[in-house]
């Protein structure tokens, strides 16, 4: 392990007192913002690169990052009023945003940040891959081993073993267990 990651590991040891849980052999690069981390659980062997922004808002808010998750630089995750979960063995590249919060916007003349949060269940399945710059919006449920393309804007429910790309994101391939191949979705 290089010297920088050694210091990131020491940071995780110090953060054990600020988080609900940080598992063994996890490390965290220098964060930008940590807010409400007493409701954040990080599993074992979780690697988070610098520039992370972790926020929970409200008494019921929580974030769970399961074991063996790798997260690239400049990752931003926010949760309010429910637990946002990232499944084990998932890889998230840099500049990714994941949330279970939408801002209400219907009150005319009231700044959007002063309007209430609209919380929708958001969950990332086990062994997913989320490409660079993706935005995982409130109300997104990714099944097992989903692949999200770079810069995709994702909202909705997606089945296990699919490839999702675009803005708005849609399924373009699914894994066929009978043939053992990733097959294009026919239009």
N, C-alpha and C. Protein backbone atom coordinates (compact mmCIF):
# COMPACT_ATOMS: atom_id res chain seq x y z
N UNK A 1 0.86 -1.17 0.00
CA UNK A 1 0.00 0.00 0.00
C UNK A 1 0.91 1.23 0.00
N UNK A 2 0.63 2.18 -0.90
CA UNK A 2 1.50 3.36 -0.92
C UNK A 2 1.22 4.26 0.27
N UNK A 3 2.10 5.21 0.52
CA UNK A 3 2.06 6.06 1.71
C UNK A 3 0.77 6.88 1.80
N UNK A 4 0.23 7.35 0.67
CA UNK A 4 -1.00 8.14 0.69
C UNK A 4 -2.16 7.31 1.22
N UNK A 5 -2.29 6.08 0.73
CA UNK A 5 -3.38 5.22 1.19
C UNK A 5 -3.21 4.85 2.66
N UNK A 6 -1.99 4.81 3.14
CA UNK A 6 -1.74 4.57 4.56
C UNK A 6 -2.38 5.69 5.38
N UNK A 7 -2.20 6.94 4.96
CA UNK A 7 -2.81 8.07 5.67
C UNK A 7 -4.33 8.06 5.54
N UNK A 8 -4.84 7.62 4.39
CA UNK A 8 -6.29 7.50 4.22
C UNK A 8 -6.84 6.47 5.20
N UNK A 9 -6.09 5.38 5.39
CA UNK A 9 -6.48 4.36 6.37
C UNK A 9 -6.51 4.91 7.78
N UNK A 10 -5.50 5.73 8.12
CA UNK A 10 -5.49 6.38 9.44
C UNK A 10 -6.69 7.30 9.61
N UNK A 11 -7.05 8.01 8.54
CA UNK A 11 -8.22 8.89 8.58
C UNK A 11 -9.47 8.06 8.90
N UNK A 12 -9.60 6.88 8.29
CA UNK A 12 -10.77 6.02 8.55
C UNK A 12 -10.81 5.60 10.01
N UNK A 13 -9.66 5.34 10.61
CA UNK A 13 -9.61 4.97 12.03
C UNK A 13 -10.12 6.12 12.88
N UNK A 14 -9.70 7.34 12.57
CA UNK A 14 -10.16 8.52 13.31
C UNK A 14 -11.66 8.74 13.09
N UNK A 15 -12.13 8.50 11.86
CA UNK A 15 -13.54 8.71 11.53
C UNK A 15 -14.46 7.69 12.18
N UNK A 16 -13.94 6.59 12.69
CA UNK A 16 -14.80 5.59 13.34
C UNK A 16 -15.67 6.21 14.42
N UNK A 17 -15.22 7.31 14.98
CA UNK A 17 -15.97 7.98 16.04
C UNK A 17 -17.02 8.92 15.47
N UNK A 18 -16.91 9.27 14.19
CA UNK A 18 -17.88 10.18 13.55
C UNK A 18 -18.95 9.45 12.76
N UNK A 19 -18.69 8.20 12.40
CA UNK A 19 -19.61 7.39 11.60
C UNK A 19 -20.29 6.36 12.49
N UNK A 20 -21.43 5.85 12.04
CA UNK A 20 -22.07 4.76 12.78
C UNK A 20 -21.18 3.52 12.74
N UNK A 21 -20.56 3.28 11.57
CA UNK A 21 -19.68 2.11 11.44
C UNK A 21 -18.71 2.34 10.28
N UNK A 22 -17.46 1.93 10.47
CA UNK A 22 -16.49 1.81 9.40
C UNK A 22 -15.81 0.47 9.59
N UNK A 23 -15.94 -0.40 8.59
CA UNK A 23 -15.41 -1.76 8.68
C UNK A 23 -13.90 -1.84 8.50
N UNK A 24 -13.40 -3.05 8.69
CA UNK A 24 -11.95 -3.32 8.60
C UNK A 24 -11.42 -3.04 7.19
N UNK A 25 -10.20 -2.55 7.17
CA UNK A 25 -9.44 -2.32 5.94
C UNK A 25 -10.12 -1.34 4.98
N UNK A 26 -10.96 -0.46 5.49
CA UNK A 26 -11.57 0.58 4.66
C UNK A 26 -10.73 1.84 4.77
N UNK A 27 -10.73 2.64 3.72
CA UNK A 27 -10.04 3.92 3.80
C UNK A 27 -10.82 4.99 3.06
N UNK A 28 -10.57 6.24 3.48
CA UNK A 28 -11.28 7.40 2.94
C UNK A 28 -10.26 8.48 2.62
N UNK A 29 -10.25 8.93 1.35
CA UNK A 29 -9.42 10.07 0.97
C UNK A 29 -9.99 11.34 1.59
N UNK A 30 -9.24 12.42 1.50
CA UNK A 30 -9.65 13.69 2.11
C UNK A 30 -11.03 14.12 1.60
N UNK A 31 -12.00 14.26 2.52
CA UNK A 31 -13.37 14.64 2.11
C UNK A 31 -13.52 16.14 1.90
N UNK A 32 -14.60 16.50 1.21
CA UNK A 32 -14.99 17.91 1.09
C UNK A 32 -15.99 18.24 2.19
N UNK A 33 -17.04 17.40 2.32
CA UNK A 33 -18.08 17.62 3.33
C UNK A 33 -18.49 16.27 3.92
N UNK A 34 -18.60 16.22 5.24
CA UNK A 34 -19.18 15.08 5.94
C UNK A 34 -20.24 15.64 6.87
N UNK A 35 -21.52 15.33 6.60
CA UNK A 35 -22.62 15.87 7.39
C UNK A 35 -23.58 14.74 7.75
N UNK A 36 -23.88 14.60 9.02
CA UNK A 36 -24.81 13.57 9.48
C UNK A 36 -24.23 12.18 9.39
N UNK A 37 -22.93 12.04 9.58
CA UNK A 37 -22.27 10.74 9.39
C UNK A 37 -22.53 9.75 10.52
N UNK A 38 -23.15 10.16 11.60
CA UNK A 38 -23.52 9.20 12.66
C UNK A 38 -24.56 8.20 12.15
N UNK A 39 -25.14 8.46 10.99
CA UNK A 39 -26.12 7.56 10.39
C UNK A 39 -25.57 6.91 9.10
N UNK A 40 -24.23 6.85 9.01
CA UNK A 40 -23.58 6.27 7.82
C UNK A 40 -22.80 5.03 8.23
N UNK A 41 -23.08 3.92 7.52
CA UNK A 41 -22.39 2.64 7.78
C UNK A 41 -21.55 2.30 6.56
N UNK A 42 -20.26 2.09 6.79
CA UNK A 42 -19.34 1.71 5.73
C UNK A 42 -18.80 0.33 6.07
N UNK A 43 -18.93 -0.60 5.14
CA UNK A 43 -18.50 -1.97 5.36
C UNK A 43 -16.99 -2.13 5.32
N UNK A 44 -16.55 -3.38 5.29
CA UNK A 44 -15.12 -3.71 5.23
C UNK A 44 -14.61 -3.60 3.79
N UNK A 45 -13.35 -3.26 3.67
CA UNK A 45 -12.65 -3.15 2.38
C UNK A 45 -13.33 -2.16 1.42
N UNK A 46 -13.84 -1.07 1.97
CA UNK A 46 -14.42 0.00 1.15
C UNK A 46 -13.33 1.02 0.90
N UNK A 47 -13.13 1.37 -0.37
CA UNK A 47 -12.11 2.33 -0.75
C UNK A 47 -12.79 3.57 -1.33
N UNK A 48 -12.59 4.70 -0.67
CA UNK A 48 -13.20 5.96 -1.13
C UNK A 48 -12.08 6.95 -1.39
N UNK A 49 -11.98 7.41 -2.63
CA UNK A 49 -10.92 8.35 -3.01
C UNK A 49 -11.28 9.78 -2.60
N UNK A 50 -10.32 10.71 -2.67
CA UNK A 50 -10.54 12.09 -2.18
C UNK A 50 -11.68 12.82 -2.89
N UNK A 51 -12.17 13.83 -2.20
CA UNK A 51 -13.22 14.69 -2.74
C UNK A 51 -14.62 14.21 -2.43
N UNK A 52 -14.75 13.25 -1.52
CA UNK A 52 -16.06 12.70 -1.20
C UNK A 52 -16.91 13.73 -0.45
N UNK A 53 -18.19 13.70 -0.74
CA UNK A 53 -19.18 14.53 -0.03
C UNK A 53 -20.30 13.60 0.39
N UNK A 54 -20.42 13.36 1.71
CA UNK A 54 -21.43 12.47 2.27
C UNK A 54 -22.34 13.28 3.16
N UNK A 55 -23.66 13.23 2.88
CA UNK A 55 -24.61 14.02 3.66
C UNK A 55 -25.87 13.21 3.96
N UNK A 56 -26.33 13.27 5.22
CA UNK A 56 -27.66 12.77 5.56
C UNK A 56 -28.43 13.92 6.19
N UNK A 57 -29.71 13.99 5.85
CA UNK A 57 -30.57 15.07 6.34
C UNK A 57 -31.82 14.45 6.95
N UNK A 58 -32.10 14.74 8.20
CA UNK A 58 -33.28 14.21 8.87
C UNK A 58 -32.96 13.03 9.75
N UNK A 59 -33.84 12.78 10.71
CA UNK A 59 -33.62 11.73 11.72
C UNK A 59 -33.66 10.33 11.15
N UNK A 60 -34.41 10.10 10.09
CA UNK A 60 -34.56 8.76 9.50
C UNK A 60 -33.56 8.50 8.38
N UNK A 61 -32.77 9.50 8.03
CA UNK A 61 -31.83 9.37 6.91
C UNK A 61 -30.68 8.46 7.28
N UNK A 62 -30.21 7.70 6.30
CA UNK A 62 -29.05 6.86 6.50
C UNK A 62 -28.43 6.49 5.17
N UNK A 63 -27.17 6.10 5.24
CA UNK A 63 -26.45 5.61 4.07
C UNK A 63 -25.72 4.35 4.49
N UNK A 64 -25.85 3.29 3.70
CA UNK A 64 -25.13 2.05 3.94
C UNK A 64 -24.33 1.72 2.69
N UNK A 65 -23.03 1.59 2.87
CA UNK A 65 -22.13 1.16 1.80
C UNK A 65 -21.59 -0.19 2.24
N UNK A 66 -22.02 -1.26 1.54
CA UNK A 66 -21.66 -2.61 1.95
C UNK A 66 -20.19 -2.92 1.61
N UNK A 67 -19.75 -4.13 1.93
CA UNK A 67 -18.35 -4.56 1.79
C UNK A 67 -17.83 -4.50 0.36
N UNK A 68 -16.51 -4.25 0.28
CA UNK A 68 -15.75 -4.33 -0.97
C UNK A 68 -16.29 -3.43 -2.07
N UNK A 69 -16.57 -2.18 -1.72
CA UNK A 69 -17.02 -1.18 -2.68
C UNK A 69 -15.86 -0.24 -2.95
N UNK A 70 -15.63 0.06 -4.22
CA UNK A 70 -14.59 1.01 -4.63
C UNK A 70 -15.26 2.25 -5.21
N UNK A 71 -14.89 3.43 -4.69
CA UNK A 71 -15.53 4.68 -5.09
C UNK A 71 -14.45 5.67 -5.53
N UNK A 72 -14.58 6.20 -6.75
CA UNK A 72 -13.62 7.15 -7.30
C UNK A 72 -13.74 8.54 -6.70
N UNK A 73 -12.88 9.41 -7.16
CA UNK A 73 -12.78 10.77 -6.64
C UNK A 73 -14.04 11.59 -6.92
N UNK A 74 -14.26 12.58 -6.06
CA UNK A 74 -15.36 13.55 -6.21
C UNK A 74 -16.74 12.90 -6.22
N UNK A 75 -16.94 11.96 -5.34
CA UNK A 75 -18.21 11.26 -5.18
C UNK A 75 -19.11 12.06 -4.25
N UNK A 76 -20.39 12.21 -4.61
CA UNK A 76 -21.35 12.97 -3.80
C UNK A 76 -22.57 12.08 -3.56
N UNK A 77 -22.92 11.87 -2.29
CA UNK A 77 -24.08 11.05 -1.94
C UNK A 77 -24.88 11.76 -0.86
N UNK A 78 -26.20 11.85 -1.06
CA UNK A 78 -27.08 12.49 -0.09
C UNK A 78 -28.28 11.60 0.18
N UNK A 79 -28.75 11.64 1.45
CA UNK A 79 -29.91 10.84 1.84
C UNK A 79 -30.77 11.62 2.83
N UNK A 80 -32.08 11.43 2.71
CA UNK A 80 -33.03 12.03 3.65
C UNK A 80 -34.18 11.07 3.89
N UNK A 81 -34.55 10.89 5.14
CA UNK A 81 -35.75 10.17 5.55
C UNK A 81 -35.83 8.69 5.20
N UNK A 82 -34.76 8.08 4.73
CA UNK A 82 -34.70 6.63 4.53
C UNK A 82 -33.25 6.24 4.34
N UNK A 83 -33.00 4.93 4.27
CA UNK A 83 -31.64 4.43 4.11
C UNK A 83 -31.34 4.24 2.63
N UNK A 84 -30.31 4.90 2.14
CA UNK A 84 -29.84 4.73 0.77
C UNK A 84 -28.74 3.67 0.83
N UNK A 85 -28.86 2.61 0.02
CA UNK A 85 -27.94 1.49 0.13
C UNK A 85 -27.17 1.26 -1.17
N UNK A 86 -25.85 0.99 -1.00
CA UNK A 86 -24.99 0.59 -2.11
C UNK A 86 -24.55 -0.84 -1.81
N UNK A 87 -24.87 -1.77 -2.70
CA UNK A 87 -24.60 -3.19 -2.50
C UNK A 87 -23.12 -3.54 -2.59
N UNK A 88 -22.77 -4.68 -2.01
CA UNK A 88 -21.37 -5.12 -1.95
C UNK A 88 -20.81 -5.37 -3.35
N UNK A 89 -19.49 -5.26 -3.43
CA UNK A 89 -18.71 -5.53 -4.65
C UNK A 89 -19.02 -4.56 -5.79
N UNK A 90 -19.53 -3.40 -5.48
CA UNK A 90 -19.87 -2.40 -6.49
C UNK A 90 -18.67 -1.48 -6.75
N UNK A 91 -18.52 -1.03 -7.99
CA UNK A 91 -17.49 -0.07 -8.38
C UNK A 91 -18.17 1.18 -8.88
N UNK A 92 -17.77 2.32 -8.34
CA UNK A 92 -18.33 3.62 -8.72
C UNK A 92 -17.16 4.50 -9.14
N UNK A 93 -17.17 4.94 -10.39
CA UNK A 93 -16.08 5.79 -10.87
C UNK A 93 -16.25 7.23 -10.39
N UNK A 94 -15.34 8.10 -10.78
CA UNK A 94 -15.31 9.48 -10.29
C UNK A 94 -16.46 10.34 -10.77
N UNK A 95 -16.68 11.42 -10.03
CA UNK A 95 -17.67 12.45 -10.36
C UNK A 95 -19.10 11.91 -10.45
N UNK A 96 -19.41 10.93 -9.61
CA UNK A 96 -20.75 10.34 -9.59
C UNK A 96 -21.56 10.94 -8.45
N UNK A 97 -22.85 11.15 -8.71
CA UNK A 97 -23.79 11.67 -7.72
C UNK A 97 -24.90 10.65 -7.52
N UNK A 98 -25.18 10.31 -6.24
CA UNK A 98 -26.27 9.39 -5.91
C UNK A 98 -27.11 10.03 -4.81
N UNK A 99 -28.44 10.01 -4.99
CA UNK A 99 -29.32 10.63 -4.00
C UNK A 99 -30.66 9.90 -3.91
N UNK A 100 -31.32 10.08 -2.77
CA UNK A 100 -32.72 9.65 -2.66
C UNK A 100 -33.62 10.87 -2.44
N UNK A 101 -33.10 12.06 -2.76
CA UNK A 101 -33.79 13.32 -2.52
C UNK A 101 -34.10 14.05 -3.83
N UNK A 102 -35.34 14.50 -3.96
CA UNK A 102 -35.72 15.50 -4.94
C UNK A 102 -36.12 16.73 -4.15
N UNK A 103 -35.93 17.90 -4.71
CA UNK A 103 -36.41 19.13 -4.08
C UNK A 103 -37.78 19.45 -4.64
N UNK A 104 -38.73 19.76 -3.77
CA UNK A 104 -40.02 20.23 -4.23
C UNK A 104 -39.79 21.60 -4.88
N UNK A 105 -40.53 21.92 -5.89
CA UNK A 105 -40.33 23.17 -6.63
C UNK A 105 -41.64 23.91 -6.88
N UNK A 106 -42.74 23.38 -6.34
CA UNK A 106 -44.06 23.87 -6.73
C UNK A 106 -44.46 25.21 -6.11
N UNK A 107 -43.78 25.64 -5.07
CA UNK A 107 -44.15 26.92 -4.44
C UNK A 107 -43.48 28.06 -5.19
N UNK A 108 -44.26 28.78 -5.92
CA UNK A 108 -43.75 29.90 -6.72
C UNK A 108 -43.28 31.01 -5.77
N UNK A 109 -42.13 31.58 -6.07
CA UNK A 109 -41.60 32.67 -5.26
C UNK A 109 -40.83 32.20 -4.03
N UNK A 110 -40.73 30.89 -3.80
CA UNK A 110 -39.96 30.34 -2.68
C UNK A 110 -38.73 29.65 -3.26
N UNK A 111 -37.57 30.04 -2.76
CA UNK A 111 -36.32 29.44 -3.23
C UNK A 111 -36.41 27.92 -3.11
N UNK A 112 -35.96 27.21 -4.14
CA UNK A 112 -36.09 25.76 -4.17
C UNK A 112 -35.42 25.08 -2.98
N UNK A 113 -34.32 25.65 -2.48
CA UNK A 113 -33.63 25.05 -1.33
C UNK A 113 -34.38 25.26 -0.02
N UNK A 114 -35.40 26.11 -0.03
CA UNK A 114 -36.23 26.32 1.17
C UNK A 114 -37.50 25.48 1.12
N UNK A 115 -37.71 24.76 0.04
CA UNK A 115 -38.87 23.89 -0.07
C UNK A 115 -38.52 22.50 0.46
N UNK A 116 -39.54 21.71 0.78
CA UNK A 116 -39.30 20.42 1.43
C UNK A 116 -38.63 19.42 0.50
N UNK A 117 -37.98 18.43 1.13
CA UNK A 117 -37.40 17.31 0.39
C UNK A 117 -38.49 16.31 0.04
N UNK A 118 -38.39 15.74 -1.14
CA UNK A 118 -39.24 14.64 -1.55
C UNK A 118 -38.33 13.42 -1.63
N UNK A 119 -38.52 12.48 -0.72
CA UNK A 119 -37.63 11.32 -0.61
C UNK A 119 -38.24 10.12 -1.32
N UNK A 120 -37.41 9.44 -2.11
CA UNK A 120 -37.83 8.23 -2.82
C UNK A 120 -36.75 7.17 -2.62
N UNK A 121 -37.18 5.93 -2.42
CA UNK A 121 -36.22 4.85 -2.19
C UNK A 121 -35.21 4.78 -3.34
N UNK A 122 -33.94 4.69 -2.96
CA UNK A 122 -32.85 4.56 -3.92
C UNK A 122 -31.94 3.45 -3.43
N UNK A 123 -31.61 2.52 -4.33
CA UNK A 123 -30.79 1.37 -3.94
C UNK A 123 -29.95 0.92 -5.13
N UNK A 124 -28.67 0.69 -4.87
CA UNK A 124 -27.74 0.16 -5.87
C UNK A 124 -27.51 -1.30 -5.52
N UNK A 125 -27.74 -2.20 -6.47
CA UNK A 125 -27.60 -3.63 -6.22
C UNK A 125 -26.15 -4.07 -6.08
N UNK A 126 -26.00 -5.33 -5.80
CA UNK A 126 -24.69 -5.96 -5.60
C UNK A 126 -23.95 -6.05 -6.94
N UNK A 127 -22.64 -5.81 -6.90
CA UNK A 127 -21.74 -6.01 -8.04
C UNK A 127 -22.10 -5.13 -9.24
N UNK A 128 -22.56 -3.91 -8.98
CA UNK A 128 -22.86 -2.97 -10.06
C UNK A 128 -21.61 -2.20 -10.44
N UNK A 129 -21.64 -1.61 -11.62
CA UNK A 129 -20.57 -0.73 -12.10
C UNK A 129 -21.23 0.55 -12.56
N UNK A 130 -20.81 1.68 -11.96
CA UNK A 130 -21.40 2.97 -12.32
C UNK A 130 -20.30 3.82 -12.95
N UNK A 131 -20.50 4.17 -14.21
CA UNK A 131 -19.50 4.88 -15.00
C UNK A 131 -19.31 6.33 -14.59
N UNK A 132 -18.23 6.88 -15.07
CA UNK A 132 -17.78 8.24 -14.74
C UNK A 132 -18.88 9.27 -15.03
N UNK A 133 -19.12 10.13 -14.04
CA UNK A 133 -20.03 11.26 -14.22
C UNK A 133 -21.51 10.93 -14.19
N UNK A 134 -21.88 9.71 -13.82
CA UNK A 134 -23.29 9.33 -13.79
C UNK A 134 -24.02 10.02 -12.65
N UNK A 135 -25.31 10.27 -12.84
CA UNK A 135 -26.19 10.81 -11.80
C UNK A 135 -27.28 9.79 -11.54
N UNK A 136 -27.29 9.25 -10.32
CA UNK A 136 -28.31 8.28 -9.91
C UNK A 136 -29.32 9.05 -9.08
N UNK A 137 -30.49 9.29 -9.64
CA UNK A 137 -31.48 10.16 -9.04
C UNK A 137 -32.39 9.42 -8.07
N UNK A 138 -33.12 10.20 -7.27
CA UNK A 138 -34.06 9.65 -6.30
C UNK A 138 -35.07 8.74 -7.00
N UNK A 139 -35.34 7.61 -6.37
CA UNK A 139 -36.29 6.66 -6.91
C UNK A 139 -35.67 5.62 -7.83
N UNK A 140 -34.34 5.54 -7.84
CA UNK A 140 -33.65 4.56 -8.69
C UNK A 140 -33.38 3.28 -7.92
N UNK A 141 -33.75 2.16 -8.50
CA UNK A 141 -33.46 0.84 -7.95
C UNK A 141 -32.69 0.09 -9.03
N UNK A 142 -31.41 -0.19 -8.77
CA UNK A 142 -30.61 -0.98 -9.70
C UNK A 142 -30.53 -2.40 -9.18
N UNK A 143 -30.82 -3.36 -10.03
CA UNK A 143 -30.71 -4.76 -9.66
C UNK A 143 -29.25 -5.19 -9.55
N UNK A 144 -29.05 -6.50 -9.43
CA UNK A 144 -27.70 -7.06 -9.35
C UNK A 144 -26.95 -6.88 -10.66
N UNK A 145 -25.69 -6.57 -10.56
CA UNK A 145 -24.74 -6.50 -11.66
C UNK A 145 -25.23 -5.66 -12.83
N UNK A 146 -25.78 -4.48 -12.51
CA UNK A 146 -26.13 -3.51 -13.55
C UNK A 146 -24.90 -2.70 -13.90
N UNK A 147 -24.79 -2.32 -15.16
CA UNK A 147 -23.71 -1.46 -15.63
C UNK A 147 -24.35 -0.17 -16.09
N UNK A 148 -23.88 0.96 -15.52
CA UNK A 148 -24.40 2.27 -15.88
C UNK A 148 -23.31 3.00 -16.67
N UNK A 149 -23.64 3.44 -17.88
CA UNK A 149 -22.68 4.12 -18.73
C UNK A 149 -22.29 5.49 -18.21
N UNK A 150 -21.13 5.96 -18.66
CA UNK A 150 -20.61 7.27 -18.28
C UNK A 150 -21.63 8.36 -18.61
N UNK A 151 -21.74 9.32 -17.70
CA UNK A 151 -22.60 10.51 -17.86
C UNK A 151 -24.08 10.20 -18.01
N UNK A 152 -24.50 9.01 -17.63
CA UNK A 152 -25.92 8.66 -17.70
C UNK A 152 -26.69 9.34 -16.57
N UNK A 153 -27.94 9.68 -16.84
CA UNK A 153 -28.83 10.24 -15.84
C UNK A 153 -29.91 9.19 -15.60
N UNK A 154 -29.87 8.56 -14.41
CA UNK A 154 -30.65 7.36 -14.15
C UNK A 154 -31.76 7.62 -13.13
N UNK A 155 -32.97 7.21 -13.49
CA UNK A 155 -34.11 7.24 -12.58
C UNK A 155 -35.05 6.11 -12.99
N UNK A 156 -35.50 5.34 -12.01
CA UNK A 156 -36.43 4.26 -12.28
C UNK A 156 -35.93 2.94 -11.75
N UNK A 157 -36.67 1.88 -12.04
CA UNK A 157 -36.32 0.54 -11.60
C UNK A 157 -35.73 -0.24 -12.76
N UNK A 158 -34.59 -0.87 -12.51
CA UNK A 158 -33.88 -1.61 -13.55
C UNK A 158 -33.59 -3.02 -13.06
N UNK A 159 -33.83 -4.03 -13.92
CA UNK A 159 -33.68 -5.42 -13.50
C UNK A 159 -32.21 -5.83 -13.34
N UNK A 160 -32.00 -7.00 -12.77
CA UNK A 160 -30.65 -7.57 -12.65
C UNK A 160 -30.04 -7.71 -14.04
N UNK A 161 -28.72 -7.63 -14.09
CA UNK A 161 -27.93 -7.96 -15.29
C UNK A 161 -28.35 -7.17 -16.53
N UNK A 162 -28.31 -5.85 -16.42
CA UNK A 162 -28.61 -5.03 -17.59
C UNK A 162 -27.59 -3.90 -17.72
N UNK A 163 -27.48 -3.38 -18.94
CA UNK A 163 -26.62 -2.23 -19.23
C UNK A 163 -27.54 -1.06 -19.50
N UNK A 164 -27.26 0.05 -18.80
CA UNK A 164 -28.12 1.23 -18.81
C UNK A 164 -27.29 2.41 -19.26
N UNK A 165 -27.75 3.14 -20.28
CA UNK A 165 -27.00 4.31 -20.76
C UNK A 165 -27.95 5.42 -21.16
N UNK A 166 -27.41 6.65 -21.20
CA UNK A 166 -28.14 7.78 -21.75
C UNK A 166 -28.68 8.75 -20.73
N UNK A 167 -29.29 9.81 -21.28
CA UNK A 167 -29.91 10.84 -20.47
C UNK A 167 -31.23 11.24 -21.14
N UNK A 168 -32.34 10.72 -20.71
CA UNK A 168 -32.52 9.81 -19.58
C UNK A 168 -32.03 8.41 -19.92
N UNK A 169 -31.58 7.70 -18.91
CA UNK A 169 -31.01 6.37 -19.11
C UNK A 169 -32.08 5.34 -19.44
N UNK A 170 -31.70 4.39 -20.29
CA UNK A 170 -32.59 3.27 -20.62
C UNK A 170 -31.74 2.02 -20.78
N UNK A 171 -32.39 0.87 -20.68
CA UNK A 171 -31.70 -0.40 -20.83
C UNK A 171 -31.39 -0.62 -22.30
N UNK A 172 -30.11 -0.91 -22.62
CA UNK A 172 -29.73 -1.18 -24.00
C UNK A 172 -29.30 -2.63 -24.21
N UNK A 173 -28.90 -3.31 -23.13
CA UNK A 173 -28.53 -4.73 -23.20
C UNK A 173 -28.94 -5.43 -21.92
N UNK A 174 -29.23 -6.72 -22.05
CA UNK A 174 -29.51 -7.56 -20.89
C UNK A 174 -28.71 -8.85 -21.05
N UNK A 175 -28.34 -9.43 -19.93
CA UNK A 175 -27.61 -10.69 -19.96
C UNK A 175 -28.60 -11.83 -20.13
N UNK A 176 -28.32 -12.71 -21.09
CA UNK A 176 -29.16 -13.87 -21.35
C UNK A 176 -28.48 -15.07 -20.69
N UNK A 177 -29.09 -15.60 -19.66
CA UNK A 177 -28.49 -16.72 -18.92
C UNK A 177 -28.44 -17.99 -19.76
N UNK A 178 -29.34 -18.13 -20.73
CA UNK A 178 -29.35 -19.33 -21.57
C UNK A 178 -28.17 -19.36 -22.53
N UNK A 179 -27.87 -18.20 -23.15
CA UNK A 179 -26.78 -18.13 -24.13
C UNK A 179 -25.45 -17.72 -23.50
N UNK A 180 -25.50 -17.11 -22.29
CA UNK A 180 -24.28 -16.60 -21.66
C UNK A 180 -23.74 -15.34 -22.34
N UNK A 181 -24.62 -14.60 -23.03
CA UNK A 181 -24.22 -13.40 -23.76
C UNK A 181 -25.01 -12.19 -23.30
N UNK A 182 -24.39 -11.01 -23.45
CA UNK A 182 -25.09 -9.75 -23.25
C UNK A 182 -25.74 -9.42 -24.59
N UNK A 183 -27.05 -9.31 -24.61
CA UNK A 183 -27.77 -9.12 -25.85
C UNK A 183 -28.45 -7.75 -25.92
N UNK A 184 -28.39 -7.15 -27.11
CA UNK A 184 -29.05 -5.87 -27.32
C UNK A 184 -30.55 -6.02 -27.16
N UNK A 185 -31.15 -4.98 -26.62
CA UNK A 185 -32.61 -4.94 -26.50
C UNK A 185 -33.19 -4.58 -27.86
N UNK A 186 -34.14 -5.37 -28.33
CA UNK A 186 -34.76 -5.10 -29.62
C UNK A 186 -35.85 -4.05 -29.43
N UNK A 187 -35.86 -3.09 -30.32
CA UNK A 187 -36.83 -2.00 -30.23
C UNK A 187 -38.13 -2.35 -30.85
